[in-house]
Protein backbone atom coordinates (compact mmCIF):
# COMPACT_ATOMS: atom_id res chain seq x y z
CA MET A 1 42.88 55.37 -26.49
CA SER A 2 45.00 58.22 -25.42
CA THR A 3 47.09 56.59 -22.49
CA LEU A 4 50.52 57.26 -21.14
CA ALA A 5 51.23 53.56 -21.91
CA SER A 6 50.73 54.28 -25.75
CA GLU A 7 53.30 57.11 -25.85
CA LEU A 8 55.78 55.76 -22.93
CA ARG A 9 56.66 52.17 -23.08
CA PRO A 10 56.15 49.94 -19.89
CA ALA A 11 58.75 51.00 -17.26
CA GLY A 12 61.64 48.34 -17.43
CA ALA A 13 60.74 47.26 -20.89
CA ASP A 14 63.62 48.84 -22.71
CA LEU A 15 67.08 48.11 -22.76
CA PRO A 16 69.41 50.79 -23.58
CA ALA A 17 70.73 48.91 -26.58
CA VAL A 18 67.24 48.37 -27.92
CA ALA A 19 66.22 52.11 -27.53
CA LEU A 20 69.54 52.98 -29.05
CA LEU A 21 69.05 50.73 -32.00
CA GLN A 22 65.55 52.42 -32.49
CA THR A 23 66.70 55.76 -32.67
CA ALA A 24 69.97 55.20 -34.42
CA LEU A 25 69.05 52.90 -37.18
CA ALA A 26 67.65 55.21 -39.74
CA PRO A 27 70.31 58.27 -39.40
CA VAL A 28 73.01 55.39 -39.67
CA VAL A 29 71.58 53.95 -42.60
CA CYS A 30 70.94 57.30 -44.27
CA VAL A 31 74.86 58.04 -43.77
CA GLY A 32 75.90 54.84 -44.66
CA MET A 33 74.20 54.90 -47.77
CA LEU A 34 75.73 58.16 -48.64
CA GLY A 35 79.20 56.53 -48.43
CA ALA A 36 78.24 53.54 -50.43
CA ALA A 37 76.83 55.92 -53.20
CA MET A 38 80.20 57.75 -53.05
CA LEU A 39 82.42 54.45 -53.26
CA ALA A 40 80.15 53.28 -55.99
CA HIS A 41 80.94 56.13 -58.21
CA GLY A 42 84.62 56.71 -56.87
CA GLU A 43 83.89 60.17 -55.23
CA PRO A 44 86.69 61.13 -53.01
CA PHE A 45 85.67 61.96 -49.30
CA ALA A 46 85.87 65.70 -48.95
CA ALA A 47 84.82 68.33 -46.32
CA ARG A 48 81.81 69.08 -48.17
CA TYR A 49 80.39 65.54 -47.99
CA SER A 50 81.25 65.17 -44.38
CA GLY A 51 79.04 68.60 -43.88
CA LEU A 52 76.32 66.76 -45.87
CA ALA A 53 76.52 63.57 -43.77
CA LEU A 54 76.13 65.55 -40.71
CA ILE A 55 73.10 67.53 -41.67
CA ALA A 56 71.55 64.21 -42.94
CA PHE A 57 72.06 62.50 -39.80
CA PHE A 58 70.47 65.01 -37.58
CA LEU A 59 67.69 65.61 -40.34
CA SER A 60 67.02 61.74 -40.20
CA LEU A 61 67.22 61.83 -36.56
CA GLN A 62 64.27 64.20 -36.30
CA VAL A 63 62.17 62.97 -39.24
CA PHE A 64 62.03 59.37 -38.57
CA GLY A 65 62.43 59.34 -34.81
CA ALA A 66 62.65 55.80 -32.96
CA LEU A 67 61.54 53.25 -35.76
CA PRO A 68 59.15 50.48 -34.62
CA LEU A 69 61.07 47.46 -34.85
CA ALA A 70 58.48 45.11 -32.85
CA ASN A 71 56.47 42.78 -35.20
CA GLY A 72 53.41 43.11 -33.04
CA ALA A 73 50.83 40.21 -32.53
CA GLY A 74 49.29 40.20 -35.83
CA PRO A 75 50.58 40.31 -39.24
CA ARG A 76 52.13 43.10 -40.75
CA PRO A 77 51.08 44.57 -43.92
CA LEU A 78 53.96 44.24 -46.80
CA PHE A 79 53.99 47.74 -48.24
CA GLY A 80 52.78 49.64 -45.18
CA PRO A 81 56.02 50.17 -43.29
CA ALA A 82 58.09 50.67 -46.77
CA SER A 83 55.76 53.44 -47.79
CA ARG A 84 55.96 55.15 -44.46
CA LEU A 85 59.68 55.04 -44.69
CA ALA A 86 59.94 56.24 -48.41
CA VAL A 87 57.50 59.33 -47.22
CA ARG A 88 59.83 60.31 -44.53
CA TRP A 89 63.04 59.93 -46.66
CA ALA A 90 61.06 62.22 -49.28
CA ALA A 91 60.86 64.96 -46.37
CA VAL A 92 64.57 64.49 -45.59
CA VAL A 93 65.60 64.70 -49.65
CA GLY A 94 63.07 67.71 -50.00
CA ILE A 95 64.63 69.73 -47.11
CA LEU A 96 68.23 68.96 -48.40
CA LEU A 97 67.31 70.00 -51.89
CA PHE A 98 65.61 73.23 -50.43
CA LEU A 99 68.89 74.09 -48.47
CA GLY A 100 71.07 73.43 -51.36
CA PHE A 101 68.61 75.77 -53.46
CA LEU A 102 69.22 78.59 -50.52
CA THR A 103 72.74 78.33 -50.05
CA LYS A 104 73.53 77.67 -53.93
CA LEU A 105 75.95 74.89 -52.71
CA SER A 106 74.04 71.96 -54.80
CA GLY A 107 76.63 72.33 -57.62
CA LEU A 108 79.49 71.01 -55.47
CA TYR A 109 77.95 67.48 -55.15
CA SER A 110 78.14 64.93 -57.95
CA ARG A 111 74.71 64.57 -59.41
CA LYS A 112 75.36 60.95 -59.74
CA VAL A 113 76.18 60.34 -56.18
CA MET A 114 73.13 62.35 -55.15
CA LEU A 115 70.78 60.55 -57.45
CA THR A 116 72.05 57.08 -56.38
CA TRP A 117 71.75 57.83 -52.62
CA PHE A 118 68.21 59.54 -52.97
CA ALA A 119 66.92 56.47 -54.85
CA LEU A 120 68.51 53.51 -53.24
CA THR A 121 68.36 54.69 -49.42
CA PRO A 122 64.43 53.84 -49.07
CA PHE A 123 65.15 50.26 -49.81
CA ALA A 124 68.08 50.26 -47.66
CA LEU A 125 65.98 51.57 -44.88
CA HIS A 126 63.36 48.88 -45.41
CA ILE A 127 65.90 46.18 -45.54
CA ALA A 128 67.24 47.24 -42.40
CA GLN A 129 64.37 47.74 -40.33
CA GLU A 130 63.16 44.14 -41.60
CA PHE A 131 66.40 42.87 -40.37
CA ALA A 132 66.34 44.77 -37.10
CA CYS A 133 62.50 43.32 -36.45
CA ARG A 134 63.90 39.62 -36.81
CA LEU A 135 67.05 40.41 -34.67
CA LEU A 136 65.66 42.20 -32.09
CA PRO A 137 63.91 39.55 -30.09
CA ARG A 138 67.27 37.79 -29.86
CA LEU A 139 69.06 40.94 -28.64
CA ALA A 140 66.29 41.83 -26.03
CA ILE A 141 67.15 40.14 -22.62
CA GLY A 142 63.43 41.35 -21.85
CA ALA A 143 61.76 38.81 -23.78
CA ALA A 144 63.14 36.16 -21.21
CA ARG A 145 61.90 38.24 -18.46
CA THR A 146 58.47 37.21 -16.61
CA ARG A 147 56.10 39.68 -15.46
CA VAL A 148 53.02 40.00 -13.14
CA ILE A 149 50.62 42.65 -12.46
CA VAL A 150 49.24 44.12 -9.44
CA GLY A 151 45.59 45.14 -10.00
CA ALA A 152 43.21 43.86 -12.52
CA ASN A 153 41.55 47.05 -13.50
CA GLY A 154 41.11 48.60 -16.74
CA LEU A 155 44.74 50.09 -16.65
CA ALA A 156 46.29 46.68 -15.83
CA HIS A 157 44.38 45.12 -18.86
CA GLU A 158 45.50 47.62 -21.11
CA LEU A 159 49.46 47.36 -19.89
CA ALA A 160 48.97 43.82 -20.50
CA ARG A 161 47.67 44.00 -24.05
CA ARG A 162 50.48 46.50 -24.84
CA ILE A 163 53.14 44.02 -23.43
CA ALA A 164 51.66 41.37 -25.38
CA GLU A 165 51.82 43.27 -28.59
CA ASP A 166 55.74 43.61 -28.55
CA PRO A 167 57.68 40.44 -28.61
CA CYS A 168 60.64 42.03 -26.95
CA LEU A 169 58.65 42.58 -23.79
CA GLY A 170 58.54 39.40 -22.47
CA GLU A 171 55.40 37.39 -20.88
CA VAL A 172 52.90 38.43 -18.15
CA LYS A 173 51.90 35.49 -16.09
CA GLY A 174 48.71 37.03 -14.76
CA PHE A 175 46.93 39.73 -12.30
CA PHE A 176 46.74 39.63 -8.36
CA ASP A 177 44.03 41.40 -6.87
CA ASP A 178 41.62 41.20 -3.97
CA ALA A 179 38.57 41.41 -6.14
CA ALA A 180 36.27 38.80 -6.77
CA PRO A 181 38.05 36.17 -8.79
CA GLY A 182 35.46 35.25 -10.94
CA GLN A 183 34.40 38.72 -12.17
CA GLU A 184 38.28 39.86 -12.83
CA ARG A 185 39.00 36.57 -14.64
CA ALA A 186 36.29 37.28 -17.10
CA SER A 187 37.59 40.80 -17.85
CA GLY A 188 40.75 39.60 -19.48
CA ARG A 189 42.64 36.27 -20.92
CA LEU A 190 45.13 36.15 -18.11
CA PRO A 191 44.51 34.29 -14.97
CA LEU A 192 43.62 35.94 -11.74
CA LEU A 193 46.71 34.55 -9.72
CA GLY A 194 45.77 35.64 -6.47
CA GLY A 195 45.28 38.55 -3.94
CA LEU A 196 47.86 41.13 -3.12
CA GLN A 197 49.05 38.99 -0.18
CA ASP A 198 50.23 36.21 -2.68
CA VAL A 199 52.23 38.36 -4.63
CA PRO A 200 55.65 37.85 -2.60
CA ASP A 201 55.44 33.97 -2.61
CA TYR A 202 54.48 33.73 -6.21
CA VAL A 203 57.32 35.85 -7.31
CA LYS A 204 59.65 33.95 -5.31
CA ARG A 205 58.49 30.40 -6.42
CA HIS A 206 58.32 31.33 -10.05
CA GLY A 207 61.56 33.42 -10.36
CA VAL A 208 59.34 36.72 -11.54
CA ASN A 209 61.42 39.46 -12.93
CA LEU A 210 59.27 42.37 -12.97
CA VAL A 211 56.15 43.39 -10.98
CA TYR A 212 54.03 46.23 -12.01
CA ILE A 213 51.60 47.82 -9.57
CA ALA A 214 48.63 49.19 -11.50
CA LEU A 215 47.08 50.51 -8.13
CA PRO A 216 47.13 53.93 -6.14
CA THR A 217 50.25 53.28 -3.88
CA THR A 218 49.00 55.55 -1.23
CA ALA A 219 45.43 55.15 -1.07
CA ASP A 220 45.37 51.40 0.28
CA PRO A 221 47.62 50.39 3.43
CA LYS A 222 47.63 46.70 1.78
CA VAL A 223 49.54 48.31 -1.38
CA ARG A 224 52.10 49.58 1.16
CA ARG A 225 52.59 46.53 2.96
CA LEU A 226 53.12 44.69 -0.61
CA LEU A 227 55.80 47.17 -1.28
CA GLU A 228 57.33 46.41 1.76
CA ARG A 229 57.13 42.49 1.35
CA LEU A 230 58.55 42.95 -2.09
CA ARG A 231 61.89 44.32 -0.85
CA ASP A 232 62.65 40.60 0.32
CA THR A 233 62.68 39.48 -3.51
CA THR A 234 64.74 40.15 -6.28
CA ALA A 235 62.25 41.44 -8.65
CA SER A 236 62.19 44.82 -10.11
CA VAL A 237 58.98 46.86 -9.04
CA TYR A 238 57.33 49.65 -11.12
CA PHE A 239 54.68 51.76 -10.31
CA VAL A 240 52.29 52.31 -13.31
CA PRO A 241 50.09 55.59 -12.84
CA ASP A 242 46.58 55.60 -14.18
CA THR A 243 46.23 57.89 -17.00
CA LEU A 244 43.40 56.60 -18.73
CA ALA A 245 41.17 59.36 -17.98
CA VAL A 246 43.54 61.91 -18.64
CA ASP A 247 43.88 63.62 -22.38
CA LEU A 248 47.39 63.37 -22.67
CA ILE A 249 49.70 66.18 -24.66
CA GLN A 250 53.07 65.08 -25.40
CA PRO A 251 53.57 62.87 -22.22
CA ARG A 252 57.05 62.23 -21.00
CA ILE A 253 58.89 61.31 -17.67
CA GLU A 254 61.58 63.50 -16.45
CA SER A 255 63.58 63.48 -13.37
CA ILE A 256 63.70 66.45 -11.06
CA GLY A 257 66.62 66.15 -8.52
CA GLY A 258 66.19 62.39 -8.71
CA ILE A 259 62.19 62.65 -8.30
CA PRO A 260 60.31 61.19 -11.18
CA ALA A 261 57.72 63.52 -12.82
CA ILE A 262 55.31 62.57 -15.41
CA ALA A 263 54.31 65.31 -18.05
CA LEU A 264 50.57 65.08 -18.60
CA CYS A 265 50.59 68.13 -20.93
CA GLU A 266 53.58 69.63 -22.51
CA THR A 267 54.79 71.22 -25.78
CA PRO A 268 56.21 69.13 -28.52
CA LEU A 269 58.63 71.69 -29.17
CA TYR A 270 61.54 71.66 -26.87
CA GLY A 271 65.41 70.84 -27.32
CA VAL A 272 66.44 70.30 -30.88
CA ASN A 273 63.03 70.58 -32.02
CA VAL A 274 62.66 74.26 -31.45
CA ALA A 275 65.80 74.93 -33.39
CA ILE A 276 64.45 72.70 -36.19
CA LYS A 277 61.18 74.15 -36.45
CA ARG A 278 62.39 77.61 -36.24
CA GLY A 279 64.86 76.85 -38.94
CA MET A 280 62.32 75.85 -41.35
CA ASP A 281 60.10 78.82 -40.63
CA LEU A 282 62.83 81.27 -41.40
CA ALA A 283 64.13 79.44 -44.35
CA ILE A 284 60.76 79.06 -46.04
CA ALA A 285 59.35 82.36 -44.76
CA SER A 286 62.43 84.21 -46.13
CA ALA A 287 62.20 82.46 -49.65
CA ALA A 288 58.40 83.06 -49.82
CA LEU A 289 58.63 86.87 -49.00
CA VAL A 290 61.13 87.44 -51.46
CA LEU A 291 58.93 85.56 -54.14
CA VAL A 292 55.64 87.54 -53.24
CA LEU A 293 57.13 90.84 -52.48
CA PRO A 294 55.91 91.95 -55.99
CA LEU A 295 52.32 90.67 -55.44
CA MET A 296 52.12 92.19 -51.76
CA ALA A 297 53.24 95.68 -53.25
CA ALA A 298 50.45 95.36 -55.71
CA ILE A 299 47.95 94.09 -53.26
CA ALA A 300 48.87 97.11 -50.92
CA ALA A 301 48.28 99.63 -53.67
CA ALA A 302 44.96 97.99 -54.52
CA VAL A 303 43.79 98.11 -50.82
CA LYS A 304 44.82 101.54 -50.56
CA LEU A 305 43.01 102.94 -53.85
CA GLY A 306 39.99 100.77 -53.20
CA SER A 307 38.67 101.98 -49.83
CA PRO A 308 39.51 104.47 -47.27
CA GLY A 309 41.70 103.01 -44.09
CA PRO A 310 45.08 101.62 -43.54
CA VAL A 311 46.94 99.12 -45.65
CA LEU A 312 47.39 96.67 -42.96
CA PHE A 313 44.88 95.77 -40.40
CA LYS A 314 46.55 94.89 -36.93
CA GLN A 315 44.78 92.60 -34.46
CA ARG A 316 45.46 91.41 -30.89
CA ARG A 317 45.78 87.68 -30.64
CA TYR A 318 47.17 85.10 -28.28
CA GLY A 319 50.55 83.65 -29.17
CA LEU A 320 52.79 81.06 -27.57
CA ASP A 321 52.09 80.46 -23.80
CA GLY A 322 48.79 82.51 -24.23
CA ARG A 323 51.03 85.60 -24.55
CA GLU A 324 49.37 88.72 -26.72
CA ILE A 325 50.70 89.32 -29.98
CA VAL A 326 49.94 91.42 -32.91
CA VAL A 327 49.18 89.67 -36.20
CA TYR A 328 49.33 91.60 -39.58
CA LYS A 329 46.93 91.13 -42.32
CA PHE A 330 45.95 93.07 -45.39
CA ARG A 331 42.68 94.96 -44.44
CA SER A 332 39.74 93.29 -46.33
CA MET A 333 36.89 95.14 -44.63
CA THR A 334 35.85 98.53 -44.11
CA VAL A 335 36.48 98.44 -40.38
CA CYS A 336 39.43 97.44 -38.36
CA GLU A 337 37.69 95.99 -35.06
CA ASP A 338 39.83 94.99 -32.22
CA GLY A 339 37.57 95.39 -29.34
CA ALA A 340 35.88 93.13 -26.39
CA ARG A 341 33.12 92.01 -28.72
CA LEU A 342 34.05 91.06 -32.43
CA ALA A 343 31.54 89.69 -35.06
CA GLN A 344 33.35 86.90 -37.30
CA ALA A 345 32.92 87.40 -41.03
CA LYS A 346 30.21 85.61 -42.57
CA ARG A 347 29.07 84.79 -46.05
CA GLY A 348 27.88 88.04 -48.03
CA ASP A 349 29.20 90.18 -44.98
CA ALA A 350 28.60 93.83 -45.77
CA ARG A 351 31.95 94.87 -44.04
CA VAL A 352 33.93 93.30 -46.46
CA THR A 353 35.15 94.99 -49.28
CA ALA A 354 34.91 94.24 -53.08
CA PHE A 355 38.41 93.55 -53.26
CA GLY A 356 38.79 92.31 -49.92
CA ALA A 357 36.51 89.46 -50.91
CA LEU A 358 39.06 88.27 -53.49
CA LEU A 359 41.81 88.31 -50.91
CA ARG A 360 39.94 86.44 -48.46
CA ARG A 361 38.93 83.83 -51.17
CA PHE A 362 42.30 82.83 -51.68
CA SER A 363 43.86 83.79 -48.41
CA LEU A 364 46.09 86.55 -49.86
CA ASP A 365 45.32 88.78 -47.00
CA GLU A 366 47.34 86.45 -44.80
CA LEU A 367 50.46 87.11 -46.42
CA PRO A 368 51.59 90.03 -44.06
CA GLN A 369 51.75 87.11 -41.38
CA LEU A 370 55.31 86.10 -43.29
CA ILE A 371 56.47 89.05 -41.44
CA ASN A 372 55.07 87.60 -38.02
CA VAL A 373 56.98 84.46 -38.82
CA LEU A 374 60.18 86.25 -39.20
CA GLU A 375 59.61 88.20 -36.18
CA GLY A 376 59.09 84.96 -34.17
CA THR A 377 55.74 85.57 -33.06
CA MET A 378 54.07 83.15 -35.31
CA SER A 379 55.09 80.00 -36.99
CA LEU A 380 54.11 78.61 -40.78
CA VAL A 381 52.32 75.81 -39.25
CA GLY A 382 50.41 75.70 -36.01
CA PRO A 383 47.11 76.33 -34.51
CA ARG A 384 45.25 79.38 -36.33
CA PRO A 385 45.29 82.43 -33.94
CA HIS A 386 41.93 83.64 -32.75
CA ALA A 387 41.23 87.38 -31.79
CA VAL A 388 41.49 87.97 -28.14
CA ALA A 389 37.91 88.46 -27.66
CA HIS A 390 37.10 85.06 -29.36
CA ASN A 391 39.84 83.46 -27.11
CA GLU A 392 38.12 84.60 -23.97
CA GLN A 393 34.69 83.50 -25.04
CA TYR A 394 35.66 79.97 -26.02
CA ARG A 395 38.03 79.29 -23.23
CA ARG A 396 35.22 79.27 -20.88
CA LEU A 397 33.24 76.99 -23.07
CA ILE A 398 35.46 74.51 -24.52
CA ARG A 399 37.66 72.03 -22.38
CA GLY A 400 41.30 72.30 -23.18
CA TYR A 401 41.15 75.17 -25.06
CA MET A 402 44.20 77.08 -24.13
CA VAL A 403 46.22 74.00 -24.59
CA ARG A 404 46.69 75.01 -28.24
CA HIS A 405 48.99 77.84 -27.15
CA LYS A 406 51.49 75.46 -26.08
CA VAL A 407 53.04 75.86 -29.58
CA LYS A 408 53.18 79.11 -31.70
CA PRO A 409 50.12 80.13 -34.00
CA GLY A 410 50.43 79.36 -37.65
CA ILE A 411 49.64 80.72 -40.93
CA THR A 412 47.88 77.45 -41.66
CA GLY A 413 47.20 74.49 -39.42
CA TRP A 414 46.01 70.90 -39.11
CA ALA A 415 42.35 72.03 -38.67
CA GLN A 416 42.34 74.40 -41.67
CA VAL A 417 43.55 71.68 -44.11
CA ASN A 418 40.71 69.25 -42.81
CA GLY A 419 37.90 71.39 -43.76
CA LEU A 420 37.64 73.72 -40.61
CA ARG A 421 38.60 77.02 -42.28
CA GLY A 422 36.51 80.06 -42.13
CA GLU A 423 33.87 81.04 -39.80
CA THR A 424 33.05 78.96 -36.74
CA ASP A 425 29.26 79.93 -36.33
CA GLY A 426 28.92 77.86 -33.13
CA VAL A 427 30.61 76.24 -30.33
CA ASP A 428 30.46 72.69 -31.98
CA LYS A 429 32.38 74.02 -34.91
CA MET A 430 35.15 75.64 -32.90
CA ARG A 431 35.18 72.46 -30.66
CA ARG A 432 36.05 70.12 -33.57
CA ARG A 433 38.92 72.81 -34.83
CA ILE A 434 40.05 72.64 -31.15
CA GLU A 435 40.15 68.62 -31.26
CA PHE A 436 42.45 69.08 -34.67
CA ASP A 437 44.73 71.61 -32.91
CA LEU A 438 45.16 69.36 -29.92
CA ASP A 439 45.74 66.49 -32.56
CA TYR A 440 48.54 68.59 -33.82
CA LEU A 441 50.33 68.86 -30.55
CA ARG A 442 50.12 65.16 -29.79
CA HIS A 443 51.73 64.01 -33.06
CA TRP A 444 53.79 67.08 -34.36
CA SER A 445 56.83 66.10 -36.39
CA LEU A 446 58.67 68.00 -39.25
CA PRO A 447 56.96 65.64 -41.83
CA LEU A 448 53.47 66.74 -40.52
CA ASP A 449 54.53 70.16 -41.03
CA LEU A 450 55.46 69.85 -44.36
CA TRP A 451 52.42 67.84 -45.34
CA ILE A 452 50.31 70.61 -43.97
CA LEU A 453 52.13 73.07 -46.18
CA PHE A 454 51.69 70.95 -49.05
CA ARG A 455 48.01 70.53 -48.63
CA THR A 456 47.43 74.16 -47.84
CA ALA A 457 47.92 74.87 -51.36
CA PHE A 458 44.95 72.56 -52.62
CA VAL A 459 42.58 73.96 -50.03
CA VAL A 460 43.37 77.48 -50.56
CA LEU A 461 42.17 76.79 -54.42
CA LYS A 462 39.06 74.91 -53.75
CA ASP A 463 37.85 75.57 -50.11
CA PRO A 464 34.22 76.84 -50.22
CA ASN A 465 34.62 77.98 -46.49
CA ALA A 466 36.78 80.93 -47.23
CA TYR A 467 34.67 84.03 -47.39
């Protein structure tokens, strides 16, 4: 279930120290293990290691994010958390090695120190996470805070369930609602403690610390009266907006001149994320272009000699924020269509040249899009750009279609590595592709981009949908 509660922890639940621990744990451990490896091998602390530590800190901050430190309501798998940490650390190591290769600075560092650091850090991360999981409930004052929820609807019960899953969030005593007691009590494990008029007295009598209001604050005069009466208590009061029916994309809370605003649909690429993704695009695209330049020259000659027409096919497509861009491809057809009506390439399409069929089979016709990446109109990974004519067709048929343009289009994408490459010969196929595109926006991370790039190599070699 995609809800705001799943992306943003309940208001008042996190202490600053807890949030800081979750965010800083992985970067601090990674940098600390580098220092430990240097001490173990007698390596002196030099400026080059300080620079490496700084890069590793910010990379780890991005790749690991806020580590989950709650044990949850049920048993945790023994190897699940450790394997996830190892994958993320492998992504950090891979990026560091790639940067060392590009800058030719890897020879400045002790191989013994690097190997020790790379090998032992995943174990240190796992131990630190397990220790923090046991220490956190003692540090979290929130575990001693009692709560009640005003409202007994689906949102209220979902909120209660999320709180119960985290030992740091304390205890929910029950619900308050003016609906029929028997009906509401049957819909959840927690009791119905009374109606809205009973909330202030219960809060005072039982020393309740937090009151969550899971009802519209303006639709019911009774809610307004309740808010006025709660001012005579010491309880903290939070409003929980109902977002259960909304398909959220990167939800977060911002303050605009002191007025809270909830983002229901936003790009995942803001702040430092933009610089990180752009840096990855520039580094990998530049290296790839140098490596494949001889191949591209050979392909260009073969296209020119194989059939009349230009070497490059340029087509208008939609880029970031729905702005038109020009996408480059090696021409693989006898036509260069870019009008209001376009027919997608089909299996055995007569418009595809003999050499063009080979290019399309292994996606070699997409290589010039590395230039698009360097220009900044595309990214290595993102939703695949569709022709303007197809965009205008499907945006009217598929709900949320244009949301995919909250990020730059990519040479490869989450939909393509999940079997949705090639022709979309119906609305259902396109709808499935859009679902994967939106899922990419919800869960974007640097490791996900690297995983998609890795999987793309295997998809290109064996995908039967490329023609």
